[in-house]
Protein backbone atom coordinates (compact mmCIF):
# COMPACT_ATOMS: atom_id res chain seq x y z
CA MET A 1 7.96 -6.78 0.30
CA SER A 2 6.63 -9.95 1.86
CA VAL A 3 3.52 -9.74 3.97
CA ILE A 4 4.75 -12.38 6.40
CA LYS A 5 8.18 -13.59 7.33
CA GLN A 6 8.81 -16.91 8.97
CA ASN A 7 11.49 -19.55 8.94
CA ALA A 8 11.09 -22.53 6.67
CA GLU A 9 9.83 -25.61 8.51
CA PRO A 10 9.76 -29.28 7.49
CA LYS A 11 6.80 -29.92 5.21
CA ALA A 12 4.06 -32.13 6.60
CA GLU A 13 2.65 -34.90 4.44
CA ASN A 14 0.11 -33.56 1.89
CA GLU A 15 0.67 -30.01 3.14
CA LEU A 16 0.25 -27.33 0.45
CA ARG A 17 2.86 -24.64 1.08
CA VAL A 18 2.06 -21.33 -0.59
CA ALA A 19 4.65 -18.54 -0.74
CA PHE A 20 3.44 -14.95 -1.15
CA GLU A 21 5.27 -11.81 -2.26
CA THR A 22 3.74 -8.35 -2.70
CA LEU A 23 5.06 -5.56 -4.91
CA GLY A 24 3.63 -2.06 -4.98
CA CYS A 25 0.90 -0.31 -3.05
CA ARG A 26 -1.17 -0.87 0.08
CA SER A 27 -4.08 -2.14 -2.03
CA ASN A 28 -1.86 -4.99 -3.23
CA PHE A 29 -0.80 -5.56 0.37
CA ALA A 30 -4.47 -5.85 1.41
CA ASP A 31 -5.15 -8.26 -1.47
CA THR A 32 -2.33 -10.53 -0.34
CA VAL A 33 -3.37 -10.58 3.30
CA GLU A 34 -6.89 -11.60 2.28
CA LEU A 35 -5.57 -14.36 0.01
CA GLN A 36 -3.31 -15.65 2.79
CA ALA A 37 -6.26 -15.84 5.15
CA ALA A 38 -8.39 -17.67 2.57
CA VAL A 39 -5.56 -20.15 1.85
CA THR A 40 -5.22 -20.87 5.56
CA GLU A 41 -8.96 -21.43 5.93
CA GLN A 42 -8.79 -23.96 3.07
CA GLY A 43 -6.00 -25.92 4.77
CA GLY A 44 -2.97 -24.44 3.02
CA THR A 45 0.12 -23.04 4.73
CA PRO A 46 1.34 -19.54 3.79
CA CYS A 47 5.11 -19.16 3.98
CA ASN A 48 8.00 -16.84 3.24
CA PHE A 49 8.86 -16.27 -0.43
CA ASP A 50 12.39 -17.44 0.32
CA SER A 51 11.07 -20.81 1.52
CA GLN A 52 10.54 -23.92 -0.54
CA ALA A 53 6.91 -23.96 -1.63
CA ASP A 54 4.50 -25.81 -3.88
CA VAL A 55 2.92 -22.59 -5.15
CA TYR A 56 4.45 -19.12 -5.49
CA VAL A 57 2.04 -16.17 -5.66
CA LEU A 58 3.45 -12.88 -6.91
CA ASN A 59 1.16 -9.86 -6.47
CA THR A 60 2.51 -7.42 -9.03
CA CYS A 61 2.73 -3.68 -9.58
CA THR A 62 2.77 -1.94 -12.95
CA VAL A 63 2.87 1.73 -12.00
CA THR A 64 6.11 2.23 -14.01
CA ASP A 65 8.13 0.32 -16.58
CA ASN A 66 10.69 -0.31 -13.83
CA ALA A 67 7.96 -1.98 -11.78
CA ASP A 68 7.37 -4.36 -14.70
CA LYS A 69 11.09 -5.16 -14.84
CA THR A 70 11.09 -5.92 -11.10
CA THR A 71 8.19 -8.33 -11.61
CA LEU A 72 9.85 -10.16 -14.50
CA LYS A 73 13.10 -10.46 -12.56
CA ALA A 74 11.29 -11.93 -9.55
CA LEU A 75 9.45 -14.43 -11.75
CA ARG A 76 12.69 -15.57 -13.43
CA GLN A 77 14.24 -16.14 -10.01
CA ILE A 78 11.29 -18.27 -8.91
CA ARG A 79 11.35 -20.33 -12.10
CA ALA A 80 15.09 -20.92 -11.73
CA LYS A 81 14.99 -22.00 -8.08
CA ALA A 82 11.73 -23.98 -8.18
CA PRO A 83 11.10 -25.23 -11.74
CA GLU A 84 8.46 -27.72 -10.61
CA ALA A 85 6.46 -25.26 -8.51
CA ARG A 86 3.29 -23.59 -9.76
CA ILE A 87 3.58 -19.83 -10.26
CA VAL A 88 0.45 -17.71 -9.87
CA VAL A 89 0.75 -14.10 -11.03
CA THR A 90 -1.85 -11.55 -9.94
CA GLY A 91 -1.99 -7.81 -9.38
CA CYS A 92 -1.87 -4.97 -11.86
CA MET A 93 0.79 -6.32 -14.23
CA ALA A 94 -1.32 -9.46 -14.59
CA GLU A 95 -3.78 -7.12 -16.34
CA THR A 96 -1.50 -4.94 -18.44
CA GLY A 97 1.40 -7.34 -19.08
CA LYS A 98 -0.34 -10.69 -19.34
CA ASP A 99 0.98 -11.43 -22.85
CA LEU A 100 4.53 -10.52 -21.87
CA ILE A 101 4.51 -12.80 -18.82
CA ALA A 102 2.93 -15.68 -20.73
CA GLU A 103 5.26 -15.41 -23.74
CA ALA A 104 8.25 -15.56 -21.40
CA GLY A 105 6.85 -18.69 -19.76
CA LEU A 106 7.02 -17.11 -16.33
CA GLY A 107 3.48 -17.68 -15.07
CA ASP A 108 1.44 -20.88 -14.92
CA VAL A 109 -1.69 -18.91 -14.06
CA ILE A 110 -2.04 -15.17 -14.71
CA VAL A 111 -5.10 -13.57 -13.14
CA GLY A 112 -5.75 -9.87 -12.64
CA PRO A 113 -6.74 -8.22 -9.35
CA GLY A 114 -10.46 -8.22 -10.19
CA GLN A 115 -10.74 -12.01 -10.00
CA ARG A 116 -9.72 -12.99 -6.48
CA THR A 117 -11.76 -16.18 -6.38
CA LYS A 118 -10.01 -17.39 -9.54
CA VAL A 119 -6.65 -16.58 -7.92
CA LEU A 120 -7.66 -18.65 -4.91
CA ASP A 121 -8.78 -21.54 -7.15
CA ALA A 122 -5.46 -21.42 -9.00
CA ILE A 123 -3.51 -21.51 -5.73
CA LEU A 124 -5.42 -24.39 -4.20
CA SER A 125 -6.11 -26.62 -7.20
CA GLY A 126 -4.15 -25.33 -10.14
CA GLU A 127 -7.22 -25.90 -12.28
CA SER A 128 -7.43 -22.38 -13.69
CA SER A 129 -5.22 -21.86 -16.70
CA ASN A 130 -4.38 -19.47 -19.53
CA GLU A 131 -4.12 -20.38 -23.17
CA ARG A 132 -4.07 -18.54 -26.48
CA SER A 133 -7.18 -17.98 -28.52
CA ASP A 134 -7.23 -18.22 -32.31
CA SER A 135 -6.59 -14.49 -32.52
CA GLY A 136 -3.36 -14.90 -30.60
CA GLU A 137 -4.71 -13.21 -27.50
CA LEU A 138 -4.74 -14.85 -24.10
CA ALA A 139 -8.15 -16.28 -23.32
CA GLU A 140 -9.09 -17.44 -19.82
CA VAL A 141 -10.33 -21.01 -19.67
CA TYR A 142 -12.44 -22.57 -16.93
CA PRO A 143 -11.71 -26.14 -15.73
CA ASP A 144 -14.65 -27.54 -17.75
CA GLY A 145 -13.33 -25.97 -20.95
CA ARG A 146 -15.68 -22.96 -21.09
CA ARG A 147 -14.00 -19.75 -22.16
CA ALA A 148 -14.37 -16.60 -20.14
CA LYS A 149 -16.46 -13.92 -21.79
CA LYS A 150 -14.32 -11.17 -23.30
CA SER A 151 -14.57 -7.74 -21.69
CA SER A 152 -15.24 -4.77 -23.96
CA ALA A 153 -12.74 -2.74 -21.90
CA LYS A 154 -9.04 -2.78 -22.69
CA PHE A 155 -8.34 -4.12 -19.20
CA LYS A 156 -10.62 -6.08 -16.94
CA SER A 157 -10.70 -4.62 -13.48
CA ILE A 158 -11.87 -5.26 -9.99
CA SER A 159 -14.74 -2.82 -10.23
CA LEU A 160 -15.87 -2.39 -13.85
CA ASP A 161 -19.38 -3.35 -12.74
CA HIS A 162 -19.29 -0.61 -10.09
CA GLU A 163 -19.73 -3.19 -7.37
CA PHE A 164 -17.23 -4.19 -4.74
CA PRO A 165 -16.65 -7.96 -4.95
CA ALA A 166 -18.00 -9.89 -1.99
CA ALA A 167 -15.34 -12.60 -2.11
CA LEU A 168 -12.30 -11.95 0.07
CA SER A 169 -13.39 -8.40 0.80
CA GLY A 170 -12.55 -8.21 4.49
CA PRO A 171 -10.54 -9.86 7.27
CA ALA A 172 -11.09 -13.58 7.55
CA GLU A 173 -11.43 -15.66 10.72
CA TYR A 174 -7.93 -17.13 10.46
CA LEU A 175 -6.18 -13.86 9.78
CA GLY A 176 -4.78 -13.48 13.27
CA GLU A 177 -3.10 -16.86 13.02
CA ILE A 178 -0.87 -15.95 10.07
CA ALA A 179 -0.11 -12.26 10.57
CA ASN A 180 1.78 -10.57 13.40
CA ARG A 181 -1.44 -9.05 14.77
CA SER A 182 -0.11 -5.54 15.12
CA ARG A 183 -1.12 -3.26 12.23
CA TYR A 184 -3.73 -4.26 9.64
CA HIS A 185 -4.34 -2.54 6.30
CA LEU A 186 -8.12 -2.56 5.83
CA ARG A 187 -9.32 -1.89 2.28
CA VAL A 188 -12.29 0.52 2.26
CA GLN A 189 -12.55 1.11 -1.50
CA GLU A 190 -11.17 0.15 -4.88
CA GLY A 191 -10.69 1.98 -8.15
CA CYS A 192 -9.68 5.46 -9.27
CA GLU A 193 -11.26 7.71 -11.88
CA ASN A 194 -8.59 10.43 -11.84
CA SER A 195 -6.56 10.84 -15.00
CA CYS A 196 -3.05 11.72 -13.81
CA THR A 197 -0.88 11.70 -16.90
CA PHE A 198 1.82 9.52 -15.29
CA CYS A 199 -0.48 6.80 -13.90
CA ILE A 200 -2.00 3.65 -15.38
CA ILE A 201 -3.75 2.45 -12.22
CA PRO A 202 -7.26 3.60 -13.30
CA GLN A 203 -6.95 1.14 -16.18
CA THR A 204 -6.03 -1.75 -13.89
CA ARG A 205 -8.11 -1.03 -10.78
CA GLY A 206 -11.18 0.35 -12.53
CA ARG A 207 -13.99 2.60 -11.37
CA LEU A 208 -14.67 3.79 -7.84
CA SER A 209 -16.19 1.06 -5.71
CA SER A 210 -16.70 1.44 -1.96
CA ARG A 211 -17.44 -1.07 0.79
CA SER A 212 -20.33 -0.33 3.13
CA ILE A 213 -19.74 1.52 6.38
CA GLU A 214 -21.52 -1.27 8.29
CA ASP A 215 -19.16 -3.93 6.91
CA LEU A 216 -16.10 -1.82 7.69
CA LEU A 217 -17.21 -1.17 11.27
CA ALA A 218 -17.76 -4.91 11.70
CA ASP A 219 -14.29 -5.60 10.28
CA ILE A 220 -12.69 -3.24 12.79
CA ARG A 221 -14.47 -5.03 15.65
CA LYS A 222 -13.31 -8.38 14.25
CA LEU A 223 -9.72 -7.15 13.95
CA SER A 224 -9.85 -5.97 17.55
CA GLY A 225 -10.94 -9.44 18.61
CA LEU A 226 -8.02 -10.94 16.69
CA GLY A 227 -5.62 -8.76 18.68
CA TYR A 228 -4.76 -5.96 16.25
CA ARG A 229 -3.84 -2.64 17.83
CA GLU A 230 -3.88 -0.49 14.70
CA VAL A 231 -6.06 -0.43 11.59
CA VAL A 232 -4.88 1.47 8.51
CA LEU A 233 -7.75 2.53 6.23
CA THR A 234 -6.54 2.14 2.67
CA GLY A 235 -7.77 2.19 -0.91
CA THR A 236 -6.70 2.84 -4.48
CA HIS A 237 -8.15 6.36 -4.15
CA LEU A 238 -8.96 6.71 -0.46
CA GLY A 239 -10.48 10.18 -0.87
CA GLY A 240 -12.96 8.74 -3.38
CA TYR A 241 -14.59 6.61 -0.69
CA GLY A 242 -18.37 6.82 -0.89
CA VAL A 243 -18.61 8.78 -4.15
CA ASP A 244 -20.22 5.75 -5.81
CA THR A 245 -22.64 5.07 -2.94
CA GLY A 246 -23.73 8.56 -1.92
CA SER A 247 -21.58 8.50 1.19
CA SER A 248 -18.21 10.15 1.89
CA LEU A 249 -14.90 9.65 3.64
CA TYR A 250 -16.05 12.07 6.35
CA GLU A 251 -19.17 9.97 7.04
CA LEU A 252 -17.06 6.81 7.31
CA LEU A 253 -14.58 8.44 9.70
CA ALA A 254 -17.36 9.93 11.82
CA LYS A 255 -18.96 6.49 12.22
CA VAL A 256 -15.58 4.95 13.03
CA ALA A 257 -15.00 7.60 15.72
CA GLU A 258 -18.49 7.06 17.14
CA GLN A 259 -17.90 3.31 17.44
CA HIS A 260 -14.47 3.77 19.04
CA ILE A 261 -15.64 6.30 21.59
CA ALA A 262 -18.43 3.93 22.62
CA SER A 263 -15.85 1.16 23.18
CA ASP A 264 -12.36 2.04 24.39
CA THR A 265 -11.02 -1.43 23.51
CA LEU A 266 -10.91 -0.90 19.72
CA PRO A 267 -7.59 -0.36 17.87
CA ARG A 268 -6.29 3.03 16.89
CA VAL A 269 -7.02 4.09 13.29
CA ARG A 270 -4.69 5.57 10.69
CA LEU A 271 -5.37 6.88 7.19
CA SER A 272 -3.11 5.80 4.36
CA SER A 273 -2.08 8.26 1.64
CA ILE A 274 -4.63 10.78 0.42
CA ASP A 275 -4.70 13.56 -2.20
CA PRO A 276 -4.82 17.21 -1.07
CA ASN A 277 -8.17 17.87 -2.75
CA ASP A 278 -9.79 15.00 -0.83
CA LEU A 279 -9.43 16.59 2.62
CA ASP A 280 -11.53 19.52 3.78
CA LEU A 281 -11.35 21.40 7.08
CA GLU A 282 -14.24 19.44 8.63
CA THR A 283 -12.51 16.11 7.94
CA LEU A 284 -9.18 17.44 9.21
CA GLN A 285 -10.78 18.63 12.44
CA LEU A 286 -12.33 15.21 12.94
CA ILE A 287 -9.06 13.34 12.41
CA LEU A 288 -6.73 15.64 14.32
CA GLY A 289 -9.30 16.56 16.95
CA THR A 290 -10.04 12.98 17.99
CA PRO A 291 -6.61 11.68 19.09
CA GLU A 292 -8.16 8.88 21.15
CA VAL A 293 -9.28 7.34 17.83
CA PHE A 294 -7.10 8.56 14.95
CA CYS A 295 -3.32 8.57 14.72
CA ASN A 296 -1.62 11.95 14.62
CA HIS A 297 -0.33 11.31 11.12
CA LEU A 298 -1.29 12.22 7.55
CA HIS A 299 0.34 11.37 4.24
CA ILE A 300 -0.62 14.03 1.68
CA CYS A 301 0.26 13.10 -1.92
CA VAL A 302 1.40 16.43 -3.32
CA GLN A 303 3.61 14.80 -6.03
CA ALA A 304 5.15 18.10 -7.21
CA PHE A 305 5.88 21.41 -5.49
CA ASP A 306 5.50 23.45 -8.68
CA GLU A 307 2.26 24.72 -10.20
CA GLN A 308 3.16 24.09 -13.85
CA VAL A 309 4.40 20.57 -13.17
CA LEU A 310 1.16 19.75 -11.33
CA ARG A 311 -0.80 20.91 -14.37
CA ARG A 312 1.24 18.68 -16.68
CA MET A 313 0.59 15.81 -14.29
CA ASN A 314 -3.15 16.65 -14.50
CA ARG A 315 -3.46 16.67 -10.73
CA LEU A 316 -6.87 17.92 -9.58
CA TYR A 317 -5.68 20.72 -7.30
CA ALA A 318 -3.55 23.84 -7.46
CA LEU A 319 -0.33 24.10 -5.47
CA SER A 320 -1.86 26.98 -3.50
CA GLU A 321 -4.71 24.69 -2.39
CA ALA A 322 -2.25 22.04 -1.22
CA LEU A 323 -0.29 24.66 0.73
CA GLU A 324 -3.47 25.91 2.42
CA LEU A 325 -4.19 22.36 3.53
CA ILE A 326 -0.67 21.94 4.94
CA ASP A 327 -1.04 25.19 6.87
CA ALA A 328 -4.34 23.99 8.33
CA ILE A 329 -2.78 20.68 9.44
CA SER A 330 0.13 22.48 11.07
CA GLU A 331 -2.22 24.83 12.92
CA LEU A 332 -4.48 22.03 14.16
CA SER A 333 -1.62 19.73 15.17
CA PRO A 334 1.94 21.12 15.16
CA ASP A 335 3.34 17.67 16.10
CA CYS A 336 1.53 15.80 13.34
CA GLY A 337 3.58 13.19 11.51
CA LEU A 338 3.28 14.66 8.03
CA GLY A 339 4.55 12.98 4.89
CA SER A 340 4.29 13.35 1.14
CA ASP A 341 5.51 12.07 -2.23
CA VAL A 342 7.44 13.81 -4.96
CA ILE A 343 8.06 12.72 -8.55
CA CYS A 344 11.23 14.40 -9.78
CA GLY A 345 12.40 14.85 -13.37
CA PHE A 346 8.89 14.93 -14.84
CA PRO A 347 8.85 15.91 -18.55
CA GLY A 348 9.30 19.64 -18.93
CA GLU A 349 10.46 20.25 -15.34
CA SER A 350 13.35 22.70 -15.54
CA ARG A 351 16.26 22.92 -13.13
CA GLU A 352 15.02 26.33 -12.03
CA GLN A 353 11.62 24.86 -11.18
CA THR A 354 13.32 22.08 -9.25
CA GLU A 355 15.40 24.53 -7.21
CA LYS A 356 12.36 26.64 -6.33
CA ALA A 357 10.38 23.53 -5.41
CA MET A 358 13.14 22.42 -3.05
CA GLU A 359 13.30 25.85 -1.45
CA LEU A 360 9.53 25.74 -0.89
CA PHE A 361 9.67 22.23 0.57
CA GLN A 362 12.21 23.33 3.19
CA THR A 363 9.71 25.89 4.52
CA LEU A 364 6.95 23.31 4.98
CA PRO A 365 6.31 21.10 8.05
CA PHE A 366 6.76 17.79 6.23
CA ASN A 367 8.85 15.36 8.26
CA TYR A 368 9.29 12.62 5.69
CA LEU A 369 9.14 12.33 1.91
CA HIS A 370 8.90 9.43 -0.55
CA VAL A 371 11.03 10.36 -3.58
CA PHE A 372 10.52 8.83 -7.03
CA PRO A 373 12.54 9.67 -10.13
CA TYR A 374 9.98 9.89 -12.93
CA SER A 375 9.75 6.56 -14.76
CA GLU A 376 7.86 6.16 -18.02
CA ARG A 377 4.80 3.93 -17.97
CA GLU A 378 3.78 2.72 -21.42
CA GLY A 379 0.15 3.58 -22.14
CA THR A 380 0.10 6.80 -20.10
CA ALA A 381 -0.30 10.33 -21.45
CA ALA A 382 2.97 11.49 -19.88
CA THR A 383 4.98 9.42 -22.38
CA ARG A 384 3.75 11.79 -25.11
CA LEU A 385 4.91 14.95 -23.33
CA PRO A 386 7.90 16.86 -24.78
CA GLU A 387 11.10 17.94 -23.01
CA VAL A 388 11.99 14.55 -21.56
CA ILE A 389 14.56 14.79 -18.75
CA ASP A 390 17.65 12.61 -19.04
CA TYR A 391 17.45 9.72 -16.59
CA SER A 392 20.81 10.53 -15.01
CA GLU A 393 19.47 14.02 -14.24
CA ARG A 394 16.34 12.51 -12.69
CA LYS A 395 18.52 10.39 -10.40
CA ARG A 396 20.63 13.40 -9.47
CA ARG A 397 17.55 15.38 -8.50
CA ALA A 398 16.16 12.42 -6.57
CA ALA A 399 19.36 12.22 -4.53
CA ARG A 400 19.07 15.90 -3.62
CA TRP A 401 15.41 15.53 -2.67
CA ARG A 402 16.25 12.58 -0.42
CA SER A 403 19.01 14.55 1.27
CA LEU A 404 16.63 17.43 2.03
CA ALA A 405 13.98 15.03 3.27
CA SER A 406 16.49 13.29 5.53
CA GLU A 407 17.44 16.61 7.12
CA GLN A 408 13.80 17.39 7.89
CA ARG A 409 13.20 13.89 9.19
CA THR A 410 16.12 14.16 11.58
CA LYS A 411 14.88 17.51 12.91
CA PHE A 412 11.45 16.02 13.54
CA LEU A 413 12.87 12.98 15.33
CA GLU A 414 15.06 15.20 17.50
CA SER A 415 11.99 17.24 18.45
CA ARG A 416 10.51 14.02 19.93
CA LEU A 417 13.42 13.42 22.33
CA GLU A 418 12.50 13.09 26.01
CA LYS A 419 8.83 12.84 25.08
CA GLU A 420 6.50 9.91 25.57
CA VAL A 421 5.46 7.87 22.54
CA GLU A 422 2.86 5.15 22.10
CA LEU A 423 3.95 2.31 19.83
CA VAL A 424 2.52 -0.90 18.47
CA VAL A 425 5.12 -3.69 18.60
CA GLU A 426 5.61 -5.14 15.12
CA LYS A 427 8.79 -7.17 15.37
CA VAL A 428 10.69 -8.92 18.17
CA SER A 429 14.03 -10.40 17.14
CA GLY A 430 17.57 -10.55 18.47
CA GLN A 431 18.34 -7.63 20.72
CA TRP A 432 15.55 -5.36 19.51
CA VAL A 433 11.85 -4.72 19.85
CA GLU A 434 10.57 -2.59 16.93
CA GLY A 435 7.31 -0.77 16.39
CA THR A 436 5.51 2.27 15.01
CA THR A 437 4.21 5.32 16.87
CA ARG A 438 1.02 7.27 16.26
CA GLU A 439 3.11 9.86 14.38
CA PHE A 440 4.40 7.13 12.02
CA ILE A 441 7.86 7.01 13.57
CA GLY A 442 9.83 3.79 13.64
CA VAL A 443 10.97 2.89 17.18
CA ARG A 444 13.53 0.47 18.59
CA LEU A 445 13.80 -0.66 22.21
CA ASP A 446 16.32 -2.92 23.91
CA ARG A 447 14.65 -6.31 24.26
CA ASN A 448 16.38 -6.86 27.61
CA GLN A 449 13.90 -4.42 29.16
CA PHE A 450 11.03 -6.80 28.45
CA ALA A 451 9.90 -10.23 29.48
CA ASP A 452 8.00 -12.29 26.89
CA ILE A 453 7.22 -9.29 24.71
CA GLN A 454 5.17 -10.17 21.60
CA SER A 455 4.09 -8.52 18.35
CA GLY A 456 0.84 -6.66 18.67
CA GLU A 457 1.39 -5.27 22.14
CA LEU A 458 0.77 -1.59 22.78
CA LEU A 459 3.56 0.13 24.75
CA ARG A 460 4.43 3.56 26.06
CA ALA A 461 8.06 4.57 26.06
CA ARG A 462 10.33 7.60 26.26
CA ALA A 463 12.48 8.67 23.31
CA VAL A 464 16.13 8.97 24.35
CA SER A 465 18.13 9.19 21.10
CA VAL A 466 17.93 9.21 17.29
CA ASN A 467 19.33 6.53 15.00
CA ARG A 468 20.08 8.75 11.99
CA ALA A 469 21.02 5.94 9.64
CA GLN A 470 17.72 4.11 10.15
CA GLU A 471 15.71 7.28 10.82
CA LYS A 472 14.27 5.74 13.96
CA LEU A 473 13.88 6.70 17.60
CA LEU A 474 15.65 4.69 20.27
CA CYS A 475 13.41 4.51 23.32
CA GLU A 476 13.25 3.09 26.82
CA LEU A 477 10.42 2.40 29.19
């Protein structure tokens, strides 16, 4: 998904137009926003990926083999439509699939997520390059001909030195000029040291590395000054915040709440996805008990609603522990926007296990679900597990999961009817004004009700009907 969308405009003389596209997670999204801001500060012009540009920057995902295929397809399309343009490839596949991209001739510069300043150099000057060493491996070459020192690790990462990089770490001064100034994803940490059998991200994002609380509080104040009305705290492993520095997620959230309560002009705060074992009762009470600061929404990454499947995934919690957490959330805030993920068709998952998992899910207060048919990721332990499920069966199960999730989503939306919602306006186009509520509900309003409405405004409205197809609330003032 593109971070920004804008219509192509005539190119000014000597203007460097840079098109950005982001695939994958919120960490990639945060990387791209920071790069866009830095490009703007250096005199470049970020633009839509569909526009004509001098440089195309693809921020890649490699969480599954299908993600790699999506990346290669996108790169082929760029090369075909703009053969003279420079293509800069970054993100996780730029670490794990560098040889593949280079051999296909699809990237002029291929730089992993741990080297943001090199990505910026490549965008602005094109002086960074990749070439093959005598051993046949790709070696990174500096403009003066010096070769980058080889890492002893299989993959270089953003945080192998256990230190969060200073360059491009937070919102830049120009950020408000190129984004819609509504909701900002603020990276609080990088890296993950879990060993889920299906995931390769620890190899591409590296060890836990957290930003300081003081810097993050300053960033929130800066974002408020730029006009943002919501800040989403995000990270590769959000619950791991502070483990490397002797702090904790609770300490960060408590300081955020303290700052917000002292100044009622700061934006509302939302947590991105988090694992069940990373939330305790004290942290839950802080989030759900401080509605003037935190959004009434949590995304709990359960991944499987079966104990044996969770063990094969090497998740660090038991199903019973996840269910206790869900019960606590429901008791503290019955109206909480509550979401999760499920990977279906994992090796060894029987049809009976699937049926029981679906029955359990229907008893839980989740009101949305991200469904992923299991997709092999080369280099992960899950590819060595027996009892592989046929892909057509994985898709069949995914369709059933989505149907169940849609039913629960509709029930939740209907429970909001005739109630007041607070939304941040994210898009104004044609007939509609669109935004997101504190409960993470998409909202549409008739634009005719407003005069000169703009992205980033905070509105209160009343829910009057449900758009089932789009799973959104239709509201009026």
